[in-house]
Protein backbone atom coordinates (compact mmCIF):
# COMPACT_ATOMS: atom_id res chain seq x y z
CA MET A 1 -33.06 1.87 37.69
CA ARG A 2 -31.58 0.52 34.48
CA TYR A 3 -34.82 -1.38 33.80
CA LEU A 4 -36.87 1.80 34.10
CA TYR A 5 -34.35 3.82 32.14
CA GLY A 6 -34.49 1.27 29.35
CA LEU A 7 -38.25 1.57 28.98
CA LYS A 8 -38.32 5.34 29.27
CA HIS A 9 -35.78 5.77 26.50
CA LEU A 10 -36.76 2.87 24.26
CA GLU A 11 -38.86 4.87 21.81
CA GLN A 12 -36.40 7.78 21.59
CA VAL A 13 -33.57 5.32 20.97
CA ARG A 14 -35.56 3.53 18.27
CA ARG A 15 -36.46 6.73 16.45
CA GLY A 16 -33.04 8.29 16.88
CA CYS A 17 -31.13 5.23 15.72
CA LEU A 18 -33.45 4.57 12.82
CA CYS A 19 -33.23 8.11 11.51
CA SER A 20 -29.52 8.68 12.08
CA ASN A 21 -28.39 5.35 10.70
CA VAL A 22 -30.67 5.46 7.67
CA LEU A 23 -29.38 8.94 6.86
CA PHE A 24 -25.77 7.95 7.49
CA TYR A 25 -25.81 4.85 5.31
CA HIS A 26 -28.02 6.49 2.70
CA LYS A 27 -25.34 9.16 2.33
CA LEU A 28 -22.78 6.39 2.00
CA GLU A 29 -24.72 4.90 -0.91
CA GLU A 30 -24.70 8.27 -2.67
CA GLN A 31 -20.90 8.09 -2.87
CA PRO A 32 -19.22 6.69 -5.99
CA LEU A 33 -19.19 2.88 -5.93
CA GLU A 34 -15.42 2.73 -6.04
CA GLN A 35 -15.31 4.68 -2.76
CA LEU A 36 -18.27 3.08 -1.00
CA TYR A 37 -17.56 -0.53 -1.89
CA SER A 38 -13.79 -0.48 -1.95
CA TYR A 39 -12.02 -3.59 -0.69
CA GLN A 40 -10.98 -1.76 2.47
CA TRP A 41 -14.54 -0.59 3.18
CA GLN A 42 -16.04 -4.04 2.64
CA GLN A 43 -13.39 -5.65 4.83
CA ALA A 44 -13.97 -3.18 7.66
CA ALA A 45 -17.77 -3.34 7.33
CA PHE A 46 -17.87 -7.14 7.31
CA SER A 47 -15.58 -7.31 10.33
CA LYS A 48 -17.97 -5.02 12.19
CA LEU A 49 -21.01 -7.02 11.07
CA THR A 50 -19.42 -10.26 12.26
CA LYS A 51 -18.71 -8.82 15.71
CA MET A 52 -22.16 -7.25 16.06
CA SER A 53 -23.88 -10.43 14.90
CA GLY A 54 -22.08 -12.37 17.63
CA ASP A 55 -23.04 -9.80 20.25
CA LEU A 56 -26.71 -9.79 19.20
CA GLN A 57 -27.36 -13.54 19.15
CA ASN A 58 -30.87 -14.58 20.22
CA VAL A 59 -32.52 -11.14 19.93
CA ASP A 60 -34.41 -9.38 17.16
CA LEU A 61 -36.75 -6.49 16.48
CA ILE A 62 -40.23 -7.59 15.43
CA ASP A 63 -42.39 -4.63 14.37
CA GLY A 64 -40.58 -2.40 16.86
CA LYS A 65 -40.56 -4.87 19.77
CA LEU A 66 -37.32 -6.32 21.14
CA ILE A 67 -37.84 -10.09 21.23
CA LYS A 68 -35.82 -13.03 22.57
CA ALA A 69 -35.68 -15.57 19.78
CA ASP A 70 -35.50 -18.66 22.00
CA ASP A 71 -38.80 -18.09 23.80
CA GLY A 72 -40.48 -15.17 21.99
CA SER A 73 -40.63 -13.02 25.12
CA THR A 74 -40.46 -9.22 25.00
CA ILE A 75 -37.46 -7.60 26.70
CA ILE A 76 -36.44 -4.02 27.39
CA ASP A 77 -32.87 -2.89 26.77
CA GLU A 78 -32.25 0.41 25.00
CA GLY A 79 -28.61 -0.44 24.31
CA THR A 80 -29.54 -3.62 22.47
CA VAL A 81 -32.23 -1.82 20.47
CA LYS A 82 -29.70 0.82 19.43
CA ASN A 83 -27.15 -1.78 18.36
CA LEU A 84 -29.75 -3.78 16.42
CA TYR A 85 -30.75 -0.75 14.36
CA LYS A 86 -27.08 -0.03 13.65
CA PHE A 87 -26.47 -3.65 12.67
CA LYS A 88 -29.45 -3.80 10.33
CA SER A 89 -28.60 -0.44 8.72
CA LEU A 90 -25.02 -1.54 8.00
CA CYS A 91 -26.31 -4.87 6.65
CA ARG A 92 -28.63 -3.08 4.23
CA THR A 93 -25.74 -1.03 2.91
CA PHE A 94 -23.51 -4.09 2.64
CA LEU A 95 -26.18 -5.84 0.56
CA GLY A 96 -25.45 -3.33 -2.19
CA SER A 97 -21.82 -4.42 -2.50
CA PRO A 98 -20.88 -6.02 -5.86
CA SER A 99 -19.95 -9.34 -4.22
CA VAL A 100 -23.30 -9.73 -2.45
CA GLN A 101 -25.24 -8.62 -5.52
CA GLN A 102 -23.31 -11.10 -7.68
CA ARG A 103 -24.14 -13.97 -5.33
CA LEU A 104 -27.80 -12.94 -5.36
CA LYS A 105 -27.78 -12.96 -9.20
CA GLU A 106 -26.14 -16.39 -9.22
CA ARG A 107 -28.74 -17.75 -6.84
CA ALA A 108 -31.52 -16.24 -8.96
CA VAL A 109 -30.15 -18.01 -12.04
CA ALA A 110 -29.76 -21.28 -10.14
CA SER A 111 -33.34 -21.03 -8.86
CA ILE A 112 -34.60 -21.29 -12.48
CA GLY A 113 -36.94 -18.34 -12.28
CA SER A 114 -37.92 -18.68 -8.63
CA ILE A 115 -36.03 -15.53 -7.60
CA PRO A 116 -36.68 -12.50 -9.85
CA LYS A 117 -33.60 -11.13 -11.57
CA GLY A 118 -32.55 -7.76 -10.26
CA CYS A 119 -34.47 -7.93 -7.00
CA PHE A 120 -32.96 -5.78 -4.22
CA SER A 121 -30.47 -4.34 -6.73
CA LYS A 122 -31.49 -0.68 -6.33
CA PRO A 123 -30.69 1.34 -3.19
CA ASN A 124 -34.36 2.27 -2.61
CA GLU A 125 -35.23 -1.45 -2.65
CA ARG A 126 -32.98 -1.98 0.37
CA GLU A 127 -34.52 0.77 2.49
CA PRO A 128 -36.91 0.07 5.39
CA MET A 129 -40.58 1.04 5.42
CA ILE A 130 -43.35 1.14 8.00
CA LEU A 131 -46.81 0.10 6.85
CA ASN A 132 -49.48 2.02 8.77
CA THR A 133 -52.01 3.13 6.13
CA LEU A 134 -53.72 1.61 3.11
CA THR A 135 -52.21 4.45 1.07
CA LYS A 136 -48.70 3.11 1.65
CA VAL A 137 -49.72 -0.43 0.77
CA CYS A 138 -51.53 0.66 -2.40
CA ASN A 139 -48.62 2.86 -3.46
CA PHE A 140 -46.25 -0.08 -3.09
CA LEU A 141 -48.52 -2.28 -5.23
CA ASP A 142 -49.15 0.53 -7.75
CA VAL A 143 -52.91 0.29 -7.25
CA SER A 144 -54.84 2.69 -9.51
CA ALA A 145 -57.32 5.28 -8.22
CA GLN A 146 -60.28 3.23 -9.45
CA GLN A 147 -58.92 0.07 -7.87
CA ARG A 148 -58.41 1.89 -4.56
CA LYS A 149 -62.16 2.45 -4.47
CA SER A 150 -62.61 -1.31 -4.73
CA VAL A 151 -60.14 -1.81 -1.87
CA ARG A 152 -62.03 0.57 0.39
CA PHE A 153 -65.40 -0.92 -0.63
CA THR A 154 -64.12 -4.40 0.26
CA VAL A 155 -62.10 -3.62 3.39
CA CYS A 156 -64.23 -1.11 5.29
CA PRO A 157 -67.39 -3.20 5.88
CA GLN A 158 -65.31 -6.15 7.08
CA VAL A 159 -63.03 -4.35 9.53
CA SER A 160 -65.65 -1.94 10.90
CA GLN A 161 -67.92 -4.66 12.26
CA HIS A 162 -68.95 -3.90 15.83
CA ARG A 163 -67.10 -6.94 17.19
CA ILE A 164 -63.85 -6.05 15.40
CA TRP A 165 -64.16 -2.43 16.52
CA THR A 166 -64.66 -3.23 20.21
CA GLU A 167 -62.06 -6.02 20.32
CA THR A 168 -59.48 -3.74 18.68
CA LEU A 169 -60.09 -1.10 21.35
CA GLU A 170 -59.81 -3.75 24.07
CA GLU A 171 -56.51 -5.00 22.63
CA ILE A 172 -55.09 -1.46 22.65
CA LEU A 173 -56.30 -0.72 26.19
CA ASN A 174 -54.92 -3.98 27.59
CA GLY A 175 -51.61 -3.32 25.83
CA LEU A 176 -51.46 0.18 27.31
CA LYS A 177 -52.32 -1.15 30.76
CA SER A 178 -49.36 -3.55 30.59
CA GLU A 179 -47.02 -0.79 29.40
CA VAL A 180 -48.07 1.56 32.20
CA GLU A 181 -47.47 -1.19 34.76
CA LEU A 182 -44.00 -1.84 33.33
CA LEU A 183 -43.23 1.84 33.18
CA ASN A 184 -44.06 2.36 36.84
CA HIS A 185 -42.58 -0.97 37.93
CA GLY A 186 -45.10 -1.37 40.76
CA SER A 187 -44.69 2.22 42.03
CA PHE A 188 -47.57 4.18 40.51
CA SER A 189 -47.41 7.95 40.18
CA LYS A 190 -50.58 10.05 40.47
CA GLY A 191 -50.91 10.19 36.68
CA ALA A 192 -50.35 6.45 36.35
CA ARG A 193 -52.96 5.69 39.02
CA MET A 194 -55.43 7.95 37.26
CA SER A 195 -54.69 6.37 33.88
CA ASP A 196 -55.15 2.90 35.37
CA GLN A 197 -58.60 3.89 36.62
CA ILE A 198 -59.53 5.34 33.23
CA ILE A 199 -58.34 2.23 31.39
CA SER A 200 -60.43 0.05 33.72
CA SER A 201 -63.47 2.27 33.10
CA CYS A 202 -62.92 2.04 29.35
CA LEU A 203 -62.68 -1.75 29.47
CA LYS A 204 -65.88 -1.94 31.55
CA PHE A 205 -67.59 0.36 29.05
CA LEU A 206 -66.62 -1.96 26.19
CA ALA A 207 -67.72 -5.05 28.11
CA ASP A 208 -71.11 -3.43 28.62
CA THR A 209 -71.53 -2.84 24.89
CA ALA A 210 -71.94 -6.58 24.29
CA ILE A 211 -75.55 -7.53 23.69
CA SER A 212 -76.58 -9.97 26.41
CA PHE A 213 -79.02 -11.92 24.26
CA ASP A 214 -78.56 -15.46 23.01
CA PRO A 215 -77.38 -15.01 19.41
CA GLU A 216 -78.77 -18.46 18.51
CA ALA A 217 -82.30 -17.60 19.55
CA THR A 218 -84.75 -16.25 16.97
CA SER A 219 -85.79 -12.62 17.37
CA TRP A 220 -89.33 -13.39 18.63
CA MET A 221 -87.85 -15.53 21.45
CA ARG A 222 -85.65 -12.75 22.81
CA ILE A 223 -87.09 -10.96 25.80
CA THR A 224 -86.87 -7.20 25.83
CA PRO A 225 -85.26 -5.99 29.08
CA ALA A 226 -87.71 -4.80 31.69
CA LYS A 227 -88.02 -1.04 31.94
CA LYS A 228 -86.26 0.40 34.95
CA VAL A 229 -88.11 2.79 37.24
CA TYR A 230 -84.97 4.88 37.64
CA SER A 231 -83.06 4.64 34.38
CA SER A 232 -79.78 6.43 33.90
CA PRO A 233 -79.28 8.50 30.75
CA SER A 234 -78.28 6.43 27.73
CA ARG A 235 -74.56 6.38 27.08
CA THR A 236 -72.89 7.06 23.75
CA TRP A 237 -69.51 6.36 22.17
CA GLY A 238 -68.77 10.00 22.98
CA ASP A 239 -68.37 8.92 26.62
CA ILE A 240 -65.41 6.66 25.84
CA LEU A 241 -64.02 9.36 23.54
CA GLU A 242 -63.90 11.70 26.54
CA MET A 243 -62.14 9.01 28.56
CA PHE A 244 -59.59 8.58 25.75
CA ILE A 245 -58.96 12.34 25.78
CA ASP A 246 -58.47 12.28 29.57
CA LEU A 247 -56.19 9.25 29.22
CA THR A 248 -53.86 11.01 26.80
CA LYS A 249 -53.73 14.03 29.12
CA CYS A 250 -52.77 11.83 32.09
CA LEU A 251 -49.92 10.24 30.16
CA GLU A 252 -48.90 13.26 28.10
CA SER A 253 -45.42 13.46 29.60
CA GLU A 254 -44.74 9.82 28.73
CA LYS A 255 -46.51 9.53 25.37
CA SER A 256 -43.28 8.87 23.46
CA LEU A 257 -42.60 5.89 25.73
CA LEU A 258 -45.94 4.11 25.42
CA TYR A 259 -46.57 2.51 22.03
CA HIS A 260 -50.23 1.77 22.69
CA LEU A 261 -50.89 5.37 23.71
CA SER A 262 -50.15 6.34 20.11
CA LYS A 263 -52.86 3.85 19.12
CA ILE A 264 -55.29 5.51 21.54
CA GLU A 265 -54.66 8.73 19.59
CA VAL A 266 -55.19 6.90 16.29
CA MET A 267 -58.53 5.39 17.36
CA LYS A 268 -59.94 8.78 18.34
CA GLU A 269 -60.53 9.36 14.63
CA GLY A 270 -63.13 6.60 14.58
CA LEU A 271 -64.64 7.60 17.92
CA TYR A 272 -65.26 11.14 16.69
CA GLN A 273 -67.31 9.69 13.82
CA ILE A 274 -69.58 7.63 16.09
CA LYS A 275 -69.64 9.81 19.22
CA ASP A 276 -73.43 10.29 19.04
CA VAL A 277 -74.26 6.59 18.59
CA LEU A 278 -75.99 5.05 21.61
CA VAL A 279 -74.42 2.32 23.72
CA ASP A 280 -77.09 0.87 25.98
CA LYS A 281 -78.03 -2.77 26.55
CA ASP A 282 -81.35 -1.73 28.10
CA ILE A 283 -82.82 -0.29 24.90
CA GLY A 284 -83.90 -3.67 23.54
CA TYR A 285 -82.35 -6.14 21.15
CA LYS A 286 -83.52 -4.64 17.87
CA GLU A 287 -82.53 -1.11 18.82
CA ALA A 288 -79.16 -2.31 20.11
CA ARG A 289 -78.53 -4.13 16.84
CA HIS A 290 -79.50 -0.98 14.97
CA GLN A 291 -76.97 1.04 16.98
CA GLU A 292 -74.28 -1.55 16.22
CA SER A 293 -75.04 -1.31 12.51
CA LEU A 294 -74.72 2.47 12.77
CA VAL A 295 -71.19 2.04 14.11
CA GLN A 296 -70.26 -0.07 11.09
CA LYS A 297 -72.02 2.25 8.65
CA LYS A 298 -70.43 5.46 9.96
CA LEU A 299 -66.92 3.99 10.20
CA SER A 300 -67.18 2.50 6.70
CA LYS A 301 -68.31 5.81 5.28
CA THR A 302 -65.75 8.08 6.93
CA LEU A 303 -62.47 6.16 7.31
CA GLY A 304 -60.32 6.42 4.18
CA HIS A 305 -57.06 5.13 2.74
CA SER A 306 -54.90 7.53 4.75
CA SER A 307 -56.60 6.57 8.04
CA GLN A 308 -54.32 4.89 10.58
CA CYS A 309 -57.48 4.00 12.50
CA LEU A 310 -58.72 1.96 9.52
CA PHE A 311 -55.32 0.30 9.12
CA THR A 312 -55.26 -0.66 12.82
CA LEU A 313 -58.69 -2.27 12.45
CA LEU A 314 -57.42 -4.16 9.40
CA GLN A 315 -54.37 -5.40 11.31
CA TYR A 316 -56.57 -6.71 14.09
CA TYR A 317 -58.99 -8.24 11.58
CA LEU A 318 -56.19 -10.11 9.79
CA TYR A 319 -53.81 -10.98 12.63
CA GLY A 320 -55.32 -10.03 15.99
CA SER A 321 -52.56 -7.43 16.39
CA VAL A 322 -52.68 -3.63 16.51
CA ARG A 323 -49.01 -2.96 15.73
CA ASP A 324 -47.91 -1.35 12.48
CA LEU A 325 -45.82 -3.58 10.21
CA GLU A 326 -42.12 -2.80 9.86
CA VAL A 327 -40.47 -4.10 6.69
CA GLU A 328 -36.68 -3.86 7.05
CA ILE A 329 -35.86 -4.31 3.34
CA SER A 330 -38.66 -3.01 1.15
CA GLY A 331 -37.88 -4.86 -2.09
CA GLY A 332 -40.63 -4.47 -4.67
CA VAL A 333 -43.00 -6.09 -7.16
CA TYR A 334 -41.08 -7.70 -10.02
CA LYS A 335 -42.12 -9.17 -13.37
CA GLY A 336 -42.52 -12.92 -13.27
CA THR A 337 -41.53 -15.51 -15.84
CA ASN A 338 -45.02 -15.68 -17.36
CA LYS A 339 -46.90 -12.87 -19.09
CA ASP A 340 -49.32 -12.01 -16.30
CA ALA A 341 -47.19 -13.17 -13.39
CA PHE A 342 -45.65 -10.94 -10.74
CA CYS A 343 -43.45 -11.63 -7.74
CA LEU A 344 -43.49 -9.51 -4.59
CA CYS A 345 -40.24 -9.69 -2.62
CA ILE A 346 -39.52 -8.16 0.79
CA GLY A 347 -36.62 -8.83 3.14
CA LYS A 348 -35.30 -8.85 6.66
CA VAL A 349 -31.95 -9.05 8.45
CA VAL A 350 -31.62 -11.64 11.23
CA THR A 351 -28.76 -11.97 13.69
CA SER A 352 -28.17 -15.69 13.12
CA ASP A 353 -29.31 -18.68 11.08
CA GLY A 354 -30.55 -20.44 14.20
CA GLU A 355 -33.89 -22.15 13.67
CA LYS A 356 -35.87 -20.05 16.13
CA ALA A 357 -34.33 -16.77 14.96
CA VAL A 358 -35.06 -17.57 11.31
CA TRP A 359 -38.64 -18.67 11.92
CA LEU A 360 -39.31 -15.55 13.98
CA GLY A 361 -38.24 -13.51 10.95
CA VAL A 362 -40.21 -15.70 8.53
CA LYS A 363 -43.42 -15.18 10.48
CA GLN A 364 -42.88 -11.41 10.59
CA LEU A 365 -42.38 -11.30 6.82
CA ASP A 366 -45.38 -13.58 6.31
CA ARG A 367 -47.69 -11.08 8.00
CA ALA A 368 -46.56 -8.29 5.68
CA LEU A 369 -46.82 -10.58 2.64
CA GLY A 370 -50.33 -11.61 3.69
CA LEU A 371 -51.37 -7.97 3.96
CA PHE A 372 -50.04 -7.21 0.46
CA LYS A 373 -51.88 -10.23 -0.98
CA PHE A 374 -55.12 -9.25 0.75
CA ILE A 375 -55.00 -5.76 -0.77
CA TRP A 376 -53.91 -7.11 -4.18
CA ASP A 377 -56.96 -9.38 -4.26
CA SER A 378 -59.28 -6.68 -2.89
CA ALA A 379 -58.15 -4.31 -5.64
CA GLY A 380 -58.86 -6.88 -8.33
CA MET A 381 -55.33 -6.53 -9.71
CA LYS A 382 -54.71 -8.37 -12.97
CA GLY A 383 -52.25 -11.24 -12.99
CA THR A 384 -51.06 -13.71 -10.41
CA LEU A 385 -48.93 -12.54 -7.49
CA GLU A 386 -46.26 -14.77 -6.01
CA LEU A 387 -45.05 -13.88 -2.52
CA GLN A 388 -41.42 -14.22 -1.42
CA GLY A 389 -39.52 -13.40 1.74
CA HIS A 390 -35.73 -13.01 1.85
CA LEU A 391 -33.65 -13.14 5.02
CA TRP A 392 -29.96 -12.27 5.37
CA TYR A 393 -27.58 -13.23 8.15
CA VAL A 394 -23.80 -13.13 8.58
CA GLY A 395 -22.64 -16.56 7.44
CA THR A 396 -22.15 -18.76 4.40
CA GLU A 397 -25.04 -21.23 4.16
CA ASN A 398 -28.11 -20.61 1.97
CA LYS A 399 -31.48 -22.18 2.69
CA THR A 400 -34.94 -22.28 1.14
CA LEU A 401 -37.98 -22.62 3.39
CA THR A 402 -41.70 -22.87 2.74
CA TYR A 403 -44.27 -21.39 5.10
CA ARG A 404 -48.02 -21.19 4.46
CA GLY A 405 -47.43 -21.86 0.77
CA ASN A 406 -44.83 -19.10 0.27
CA LYS A 407 -41.09 -19.41 -0.30
CA PHE A 408 -38.53 -17.83 2.00
CA PHE A 409 -34.90 -17.63 0.95
CA VAL A 410 -32.21 -17.41 3.62
CA HIS A 411 -28.99 -15.82 2.30
CA GLY A 412 -25.61 -15.91 3.99
CA ILE A 413 -23.56 -12.69 3.96
CA SER A 414 -19.85 -13.40 3.59
CA PHE A 415 -16.70 -11.65 2.39
């Protein structure tokens, strides 16, 4: 029962803890510094951080998922999720203490320009953010209105390709199927059985959209399918849209517990735009290719910067994932040492400096950094952009790591 309870309350716990703790510690930061960061407060806060860090060894939250650091497996435990959000919120507040800020300044000086001066010094730079639209990414990078047009012009045709579109839907459906199985733990309710049937029908629909011609053959060599005496009516993307609507109805009572169901809702936006486009392998190669190009054309034309559907396609295009990106410490874009140089810094709190725990955090930050760089380049922003990740843990040792050409600074939090 505890296993089921954990899954059923995981999303409420995540949202509740995130909101309550952010509000609580944000109010703390609004207090005068002499009250917030008094010796007594820092002593008590660090003592709590030390205890919580010990209790939370080997686990972390990666874009909302509770992960075991030693093997990367996903686990379900609402109590651990709640404690992790509390731990990370208190850490963010503690990072604003004069002692931590002083050590960060000293390390910036010692790095000879590698770490921007003043990074993470403002309270808003230590707040978390969730990246789920191009609007949020462009706002963070201060992309102009004209440059945003360039971003959309560059991104949309790439991420709306028929293959990316169908594979993204398959990834979401398979993820939802796994969640429903976990939720029911082998004992399927009527709604769960119905949803399982709908998911299977959706996956079959998507499998049937693949053109069964040899892509290496020239067009004149491809044989047009023989006409059937009794042909069924041609299907459209509107058919899978109806199945998505039925799917959300089946799982309505559990929608807050199923992450991928929220993505089903998000992808409806794109399906509404292409609901009249044909999906039929028996219409011939050229016509099928034309219908695929219509999917790309309509999605490119209609999905904008605020579209979570477009962002999900971009995530799959870049990383093969459909999850939104959670940045625990938002940081910012800082002036570099040279005239046209900038440095983008974001951060994360980890529960230990163990190798696997640190690299799990590094890879999470790297995905967010890669997204920012992709949009920076797509916008044609002037100047060079250096990417940095910063990780904090309760301890004393500092480290510098390099991953995929970017620097990651590991900072110990001590008192």
